[in-house]
């Protein structure tokens, strides 16, 4: 909802950049208290860590782009297909067993989302491919996170996510910087804090 408000006047890349600055700051503080940055840098999958982080950056940017062209309901209705995509990828890539009950639950959940959101004709427009791409990217992000989390620690996942995310988003976002108003700055900080909490919960969920 906040993203939908901000994309009207601010570059998407700028919002992603601020989010990752905040995430990196939190990650460095966290790992410093949990054994130090040196220990957290030791990864069994450094290249996968980088790929996952870059995928996370572009997924957020693509989702923000979708909100620029579609309504909130339409965007989320299409994006809500990501659990089905994740289950399919988990079965193919991770060789996880997916039973019929789980498939039916995901389909019912997707149907329930459509009933609640009641999207308009925007879901059938060419722009609907944007949130669909975001959903596929987020599903892939989940698969990579799951694979990495079996070997790397929570602190390592956070540090790599914050570092590579900040590097990539700064390279794209800094040239597009637009001075935000005090209200916009406040909204970006709220967006960043909720983003940090969401990432922490997601990392823990995929670990277990």
C-alpha atoms as a PDB file:
ATOM      1  CA  UNK A   1       0.000   0.000   0.000  1.00  0.00           C
ATOM      2  CA  UNK A   2       2.810   2.408   0.866  1.00  0.00           C
ATOM      3  CA  UNK A   3       4.652   1.466  -2.309  1.00  0.00           C
ATOM      4  CA  UNK A   4       1.526   2.279  -4.339  1.00  0.00           C
ATOM      5  CA  UNK A   5       1.520   5.781  -2.832  1.00  0.00           C
ATOM      6  CA  UNK A   6       5.233   6.417  -3.307  1.00  0.00           C
ATOM      7  CA  UNK A   7       5.597   5.197  -6.913  1.00  0.00           C
ATOM      8  CA  UNK A   8       3.459   8.092  -8.089  1.00  0.00           C
ATOM      9  CA  UNK A   9       6.223  10.631  -7.430  1.00  0.00           C
ATOM     10  CA  UNK A  10       9.445   8.750  -6.628  1.00  0.00           C
ATOM     11  CA  UNK A  11      11.620   6.388  -8.720  1.00  0.00           C
ATOM     12  CA  UNK A  12      11.138   2.720  -7.851  1.00  0.00           C
ATOM     13  CA  UNK A  13      14.907   2.204  -7.763  1.00  0.00           C
ATOM     14  CA  UNK A  14      15.230   4.882  -5.087  1.00  0.00           C
ATOM     15  CA  UNK A  15      12.754   3.146  -2.787  1.00  0.00           C
ATOM     16  CA  UNK A  16      14.459  -0.209  -3.263  1.00  0.00           C
ATOM     17  CA  UNK A  17      17.820   1.404  -2.487  1.00  0.00           C
ATOM     18  CA  UNK A  18      16.612   2.940   0.786  1.00  0.00           C
ATOM     19  CA  UNK A  19      15.082  -0.384   1.814  1.00  0.00           C
ATOM     20  CA  UNK A  20      18.356  -2.214   1.283  1.00  0.00           C
ATOM     21  CA  UNK A  21      20.410   0.453   3.041  1.00  0.00           C
ATOM     22  CA  UNK A  22      18.222  -0.070   6.099  1.00  0.00           C
ATOM     23  CA  UNK A  23      18.407  -3.842   5.732  1.00  0.00           C
ATOM     24  CA  UNK A  24      22.217  -3.804   5.451  1.00  0.00           C
ATOM     25  CA  UNK A  25      22.515  -1.575   8.518  1.00  0.00           C
ATOM     26  CA  UNK A  26      20.339  -3.962  10.512  1.00  0.00           C
ATOM     27  CA  UNK A  27      22.198  -7.016   9.175  1.00  0.00           C
ATOM     28  CA  UNK A  28      25.627  -5.635  10.149  1.00  0.00           C
ATOM     29  CA  UNK A  29      24.403  -4.774  13.658  1.00  0.00           C
ATOM     30  CA  UNK A  30      22.813  -8.212  14.020  1.00  0.00           C
ATOM     31  CA  UNK A  31      25.798 -10.280  12.865  1.00  0.00           C
ATOM     32  CA  UNK A  32      28.152  -8.159  14.983  1.00  0.00           C
ATOM     33  CA  UNK A  33      26.290  -9.402  18.036  1.00  0.00           C
ATOM     34  CA  UNK A  34      26.099 -12.993  16.743  1.00  0.00           C
ATOM     35  CA  UNK A  35      29.739 -13.949  16.257  1.00  0.00           C
ATOM     36  CA  UNK A  36      31.002 -11.099  14.107  1.00  0.00           C
ATOM     37  CA  UNK A  37      30.991 -10.152  10.434  1.00  0.00           C
ATOM     38  CA  UNK A  38      33.955 -12.431   9.668  1.00  0.00           C
ATOM     39  CA  UNK A  39      32.073 -15.551  10.696  1.00  0.00           C
ATOM     40  CA  UNK A  40      28.940 -14.495   8.828  1.00  0.00           C
ATOM     41  CA  UNK A  41      30.909 -14.037   5.602  1.00  0.00           C
ATOM     42  CA  UNK A  42      31.741 -17.752   5.502  1.00  0.00           C
ATOM     43  CA  UNK A  43      29.221 -19.248   3.106  1.00  0.00           C
ATOM     44  CA  UNK A  44      28.914 -22.674   1.534  1.00  0.00           C
ATOM     45  CA  UNK A  45      27.153 -21.071  -1.454  1.00  0.00           C
ATOM     46  CA  UNK A  46      28.625 -17.562  -2.012  1.00  0.00           C
ATOM     47  CA  UNK A  47      27.569 -17.393  -5.664  1.00  0.00           C
ATOM     48  CA  UNK A  48      24.055 -18.576  -4.899  1.00  0.00           C
ATOM     49  CA  UNK A  49      23.921 -15.997  -2.112  1.00  0.00           C
ATOM     50  CA  UNK A  50      24.776 -13.256  -4.593  1.00  0.00           C
ATOM     51  CA  UNK A  51      22.290 -14.550  -7.179  1.00  0.00           C
ATOM     52  CA  UNK A  52      19.531 -14.761  -4.571  1.00  0.00           C
ATOM     53  CA  UNK A  53      20.219 -11.225  -3.351  1.00  0.00           C
ATOM     54  CA  UNK A  54      20.131  -9.753  -6.853  1.00  0.00           C
ATOM     55  CA  UNK A  55      16.932 -11.666  -7.572  1.00  0.00           C
ATOM     56  CA  UNK A  56      15.402 -10.146  -4.428  1.00  0.00           C
ATOM     57  CA  UNK A  57      16.320  -6.626  -5.556  1.00  0.00           C
ATOM     58  CA  UNK A  58      14.817  -7.001  -9.006  1.00  0.00           C
ATOM     59  CA  UNK A  59      11.699  -8.740  -7.685  1.00  0.00           C
ATOM     60  CA  UNK A  60      10.915  -5.773  -5.427  1.00  0.00           C
ATOM     61  CA  UNK A  61      11.551  -3.379  -8.310  1.00  0.00           C
ATOM     62  CA  UNK A  62       9.324  -5.324 -10.715  1.00  0.00           C
ATOM     63  CA  UNK A  63       6.547  -5.491  -8.116  1.00  0.00           C
ATOM     64  CA  UNK A  64       6.783  -1.718  -7.652  1.00  0.00           C
ATOM     65  CA  UNK A  65       6.627  -1.279 -11.419  1.00  0.00           C
ATOM     66  CA  UNK A  66       3.447  -3.362 -11.499  1.00  0.00           C
ATOM     67  CA  UNK A  67       1.837  -1.019  -8.983  1.00  0.00           C
ATOM     68  CA  UNK A  68       2.586   1.899 -11.272  1.00  0.00           C
ATOM     69  CA  UNK A  69       0.515   0.394 -14.108  1.00  0.00           C
ATOM     70  CA  UNK A  70      -2.078  -1.669 -12.226  1.00  0.00           C
ATOM     71  CA  UNK A  71      -4.301  -1.212  -9.195  1.00  0.00           C
ATOM     72  CA  UNK A  72      -3.426  -2.746  -5.840  1.00  0.00           C
ATOM     73  CA  UNK A  73      -6.112  -5.439  -6.159  1.00  0.00           C
ATOM     74  CA  UNK A  74      -5.096  -6.435  -9.695  1.00  0.00           C
ATOM     75  CA  UNK A  75      -1.405  -6.583  -8.808  1.00  0.00           C
ATOM     76  CA  UNK A  76      -1.927  -8.750  -5.745  1.00  0.00           C
ATOM     77  CA  UNK A  77      -4.445 -11.003  -7.470  1.00  0.00           C
ATOM     78  CA  UNK A  78      -1.844 -11.955 -10.088  1.00  0.00           C
ATOM     79  CA  UNK A  79       1.068 -11.984  -7.625  1.00  0.00           C
ATOM     80  CA  UNK A  80      -0.892 -14.403  -5.413  1.00  0.00           C
ATOM     81  CA  UNK A  81      -0.055 -17.208  -7.836  1.00  0.00           C
ATOM     82  CA  UNK A  82       3.497 -17.355  -6.443  1.00  0.00           C
ATOM     83  CA  UNK A  83       2.717 -20.146  -3.896  1.00  0.00           C
ATOM     84  CA  UNK A  84       1.670 -22.414  -6.785  1.00  0.00           C
ATOM     85  CA  UNK A  85       4.838 -21.509  -8.693  1.00  0.00           C
ATOM     86  CA  UNK A  86       6.929 -22.112  -5.569  1.00  0.00           C
ATOM     87  CA  UNK A  87       5.414 -25.559  -5.043  1.00  0.00           C
ATOM     88  CA  UNK A  88       6.087 -26.502  -8.668  1.00  0.00           C
ATOM     89  CA  UNK A  89       9.701 -25.320  -8.451  1.00  0.00           C
ATOM     90  CA  UNK A  90      10.185 -27.070  -5.098  1.00  0.00           C
ATOM     91  CA  UNK A  91       9.116 -30.346  -6.644  1.00  0.00           C
ATOM     92  CA  UNK A  92      11.346 -29.932  -9.708  1.00  0.00           C
ATOM     93  CA  UNK A  93      14.429 -28.175  -8.285  1.00  0.00           C
ATOM     94  CA  UNK A  94      14.539 -29.304  -4.645  1.00  0.00           C
ATOM     95  CA  UNK A  95      12.888 -32.697  -5.204  1.00  0.00           C
ATOM     96  CA  UNK A  96      10.489 -31.960  -2.359  1.00  0.00           C
ATOM     97  CA  UNK A  97       7.388 -34.138  -2.214  1.00  0.00           C
ATOM     98  CA  UNK A  98       4.246 -32.145  -2.947  1.00  0.00           C
ATOM     99  CA  UNK A  99       1.029 -34.058  -2.321  1.00  0.00           C
ATOM    100  CA  UNK A 100      -2.463 -33.485  -3.672  1.00  0.00           C
ATOM    101  CA  UNK A 101      -3.696 -31.980  -0.401  1.00  0.00           C
ATOM    102  CA  UNK A 102      -1.024 -29.269  -0.530  1.00  0.00           C
ATOM    103  CA  UNK A 103      -1.806 -28.496  -4.172  1.00  0.00           C
ATOM    104  CA  UNK A 104      -5.523 -28.199  -3.449  1.00  0.00           C
ATOM    105  CA  UNK A 105      -4.839 -25.969  -0.445  1.00  0.00           C
ATOM    106  CA  UNK A 106      -2.728 -23.611  -2.587  1.00  0.00           C
ATOM    107  CA  UNK A 107      -5.382 -23.509  -5.313  1.00  0.00           C
ATOM    108  CA  UNK A 108      -8.158 -22.796  -2.783  1.00  0.00           C
ATOM    109  CA  UNK A 109      -5.996 -20.073  -1.247  1.00  0.00           C
ATOM    110  CA  UNK A 110      -5.451 -18.496  -4.661  1.00  0.00           C
ATOM    111  CA  UNK A 111      -9.183 -18.643  -5.342  1.00  0.00           C
ATOM    112  CA  UNK A 112      -9.913 -17.074  -1.972  1.00  0.00           C
ATOM    113  CA  UNK A 113      -7.497 -14.248  -2.753  1.00  0.00           C
ATOM    114  CA  UNK A 114      -9.352 -13.498  -5.984  1.00  0.00           C
ATOM    115  CA  UNK A 115     -12.703 -13.497  -4.165  1.00  0.00           C
ATOM    116  CA  UNK A 116     -11.426 -11.087  -1.507  1.00  0.00           C
ATOM    117  CA  UNK A 117      -9.608  -8.701  -3.859  1.00  0.00           C
ATOM    118  CA  UNK A 118     -12.227  -8.778  -6.664  1.00  0.00           C
ATOM    119  CA  UNK A 119      -9.777  -7.586  -9.316  1.00  0.00           C
ATOM    120  CA  UNK A 120     -11.021  -5.711 -12.357  1.00  0.00           C
ATOM    121  CA  UNK A 121     -10.271  -6.157 -16.045  1.00  0.00           C
ATOM    122  CA  UNK A 122      -6.686  -5.030 -15.378  1.00  0.00           C
ATOM    123  CA  UNK A 123      -5.734  -8.662 -14.739  1.00  0.00           C
ATOM    124  CA  UNK A 124      -6.273  -9.373 -18.442  1.00  0.00           C
ATOM    125  CA  UNK A 125      -4.136  -6.482 -19.748  1.00  0.00           C
ATOM    126  CA  UNK A 126      -0.600  -6.693 -21.104  1.00  0.00           C
ATOM    127  CA  UNK A 127       0.615  -4.991 -17.899  1.00  0.00           C
ATOM    128  CA  UNK A 128      -0.502  -8.086 -15.957  1.00  0.00           C
ATOM    129  CA  UNK A 129       2.674  -9.792 -17.182  1.00  0.00           C
ATOM    130  CA  UNK A 130       4.668  -7.509 -14.841  1.00  0.00           C
ATOM    131  CA  UNK A 131       3.282  -8.883 -11.512  1.00  0.00           C
ATOM    132  CA  UNK A 132       3.338 -12.364 -13.063  1.00  0.00           C
ATOM    133  CA  UNK A 133       7.078 -11.944 -13.636  1.00  0.00           C
ATOM    134  CA  UNK A 134       7.442 -10.653 -10.068  1.00  0.00           C
ATOM    135  CA  UNK A 135       5.616 -13.743  -8.793  1.00  0.00           C
ATOM    136  CA  UNK A 136       7.955 -16.051 -10.719  1.00  0.00           C
ATOM    137  CA  UNK A 137      10.987 -14.168  -9.413  1.00  0.00           C
ATOM    138  CA  UNK A 138       9.711 -14.370  -5.832  1.00  0.00           C
ATOM    139  CA  UNK A 139       9.056 -18.092  -6.197  1.00  0.00           C
ATOM    140  CA  UNK A 140      12.615 -18.559  -7.460  1.00  0.00           C
ATOM    141  CA  UNK A 141      13.882 -16.408  -4.589  1.00  0.00           C
ATOM    142  CA  UNK A 142      12.116 -18.713  -2.130  1.00  0.00           C
ATOM    143  CA  UNK A 143      13.638 -21.809  -3.719  1.00  0.00           C
ATOM    144  CA  UNK A 144      17.157 -20.370  -3.588  1.00  0.00           C
ATOM    145  CA  UNK A 145      16.660 -19.250   0.015  1.00  0.00           C
ATOM    146  CA  UNK A 146      15.466 -22.714   0.985  1.00  0.00           C
ATOM    147  CA  UNK A 147      18.443 -24.376  -0.692  1.00  0.00           C
ATOM    148  CA  UNK A 148      20.983 -21.987   0.851  1.00  0.00           C
ATOM    149  CA  UNK A 149      19.433 -22.085   4.339  1.00  0.00           C
ATOM    150  CA  UNK A 150      20.208 -25.785   4.711  1.00  0.00           C
ATOM    151  CA  UNK A 151      23.938 -24.984   4.767  1.00  0.00           C
ATOM    152  CA  UNK A 152      24.364 -21.311   5.712  1.00  0.00           C
ATOM    153  CA  UNK A 153      23.410 -19.653   8.977  1.00  0.00           C
ATOM    154  CA  UNK A 154      20.664 -17.088   9.453  1.00  0.00           C
ATOM    155  CA  UNK A 155      23.314 -14.392   9.998  1.00  0.00           C
ATOM    156  CA  UNK A 156      25.105 -15.317   6.758  1.00  0.00           C
ATOM    157  CA  UNK A 157      21.876 -15.176   4.786  1.00  0.00           C
ATOM    158  CA  UNK A 158      21.087 -11.757   6.195  1.00  0.00           C
ATOM    159  CA  UNK A 159      24.537 -10.278   5.610  1.00  0.00           C
ATOM    160  CA  UNK A 160      24.822 -11.422   2.001  1.00  0.00           C
ATOM    161  CA  UNK A 161      21.268 -10.326   1.282  1.00  0.00           C
ATOM    162  CA  UNK A 162      21.928  -6.877   2.720  1.00  0.00           C
ATOM    163  CA  UNK A 163      25.348  -6.374   1.106  1.00  0.00           C
ATOM    164  CA  UNK A 164      24.619  -7.449  -2.460  1.00  0.00           C
ATOM    165  CA  UNK A 165      21.154  -5.925  -2.299  1.00  0.00           C
ATOM    166  CA  UNK A 166      22.606  -2.575  -1.237  1.00  0.00           C
ATOM    167  CA  UNK A 167      25.325  -2.691  -3.919  1.00  0.00           C
ATOM    168  CA  UNK A 168      22.926  -3.505  -6.758  1.00  0.00           C
ATOM    169  CA  UNK A 169      20.152  -1.136  -5.673  1.00  0.00           C
ATOM    170  CA  UNK A 170      22.588   1.761  -5.094  1.00  0.00           C
ATOM    171  CA  UNK A 171      24.105   1.351  -8.552  1.00  0.00           C
ATOM    172  CA  UNK A 172      20.635   1.687 -10.068  1.00  0.00           C
ATOM    173  CA  UNK A 173      18.926   3.968  -7.565  1.00  0.00           C
ATOM    174  CA  UNK A 174      21.514   6.653  -6.794  1.00  0.00           C
ATOM    175  CA  UNK A 175      21.543   8.193 -10.305  1.00  0.00           C
ATOM    176  CA  UNK A 176      17.742   8.459 -10.136  1.00  0.00           C
ATOM    177  CA  UNK A 177      17.592  10.054  -6.668  1.00  0.00           C
ATOM    178  CA  UNK A 178      14.794  12.563  -6.136  1.00  0.00           C
ATOM    179  CA  UNK A 179      14.692  14.567  -2.904  1.00  0.00           C
ATOM    180  CA  UNK A 180      11.679  13.211  -0.954  1.00  0.00           C
ATOM    181  CA  UNK A 181       9.334  15.354   1.101  1.00  0.00           C
ATOM    182  CA  UNK A 182       9.271  14.777   4.887  1.00  0.00           C
ATOM    183  CA  UNK A 183       6.105  12.689   4.502  1.00  0.00           C
ATOM    184  CA  UNK A 184       7.622  10.618   1.701  1.00  0.00           C
ATOM    185  CA  UNK A 185      10.794  10.093   3.726  1.00  0.00           C
ATOM    186  CA  UNK A 186       8.732   8.904   6.677  1.00  0.00           C
ATOM    187  CA  UNK A 187       6.800   6.491   4.467  1.00  0.00           C
ATOM    188  CA  UNK A 188      10.042   5.136   2.987  1.00  0.00           C
ATOM    189  CA  UNK A 189      11.393   4.481   6.478  1.00  0.00           C
ATOM    190  CA  UNK A 190       8.187   2.656   7.467  1.00  0.00           C
ATOM    191  CA  UNK A 191       8.416   0.642   4.240  1.00  0.00           C
ATOM    192  CA  UNK A 192      12.052  -0.182   5.012  1.00  0.00           C
ATOM    193  CA  UNK A 193      11.340  -1.330   8.568  1.00  0.00           C
ATOM    194  CA  UNK A 194       8.428  -3.544   7.534  1.00  0.00           C
ATOM    195  CA  UNK A 195      10.652  -4.907   4.756  1.00  0.00           C
ATOM    196  CA  UNK A 196      13.363  -5.850   7.273  1.00  0.00           C
ATOM    197  CA  UNK A 197      10.884  -7.648   9.519  1.00  0.00           C
ATOM    198  CA  UNK A 198       9.320  -9.442   6.528  1.00  0.00           C
ATOM    199  CA  UNK A 199      12.723 -10.640   5.288  1.00  0.00           C
ATOM    200  CA  UNK A 200      13.672 -11.907   8.742  1.00  0.00           C
ATOM    201  CA  UNK A 201      10.447 -13.881   9.055  1.00  0.00           C
ATOM    202  CA  UNK A 202      10.779 -15.256   5.532  1.00  0.00           C
ATOM    203  CA  UNK A 203      14.365 -16.407   6.107  1.00  0.00           C
ATOM    204  CA  UNK A 204      13.393 -18.165   9.324  1.00  0.00           C
ATOM    205  CA  UNK A 205      10.309 -19.751   7.767  1.00  0.00           C
ATOM    206  CA  UNK A 206      12.263 -21.159   4.821  1.00  0.00           C
ATOM    207  CA  UNK A 207      14.970 -22.424   7.165  1.00  0.00           C
ATOM    208  CA  UNK A 208      12.481 -24.541   9.129  1.00  0.00           C
END
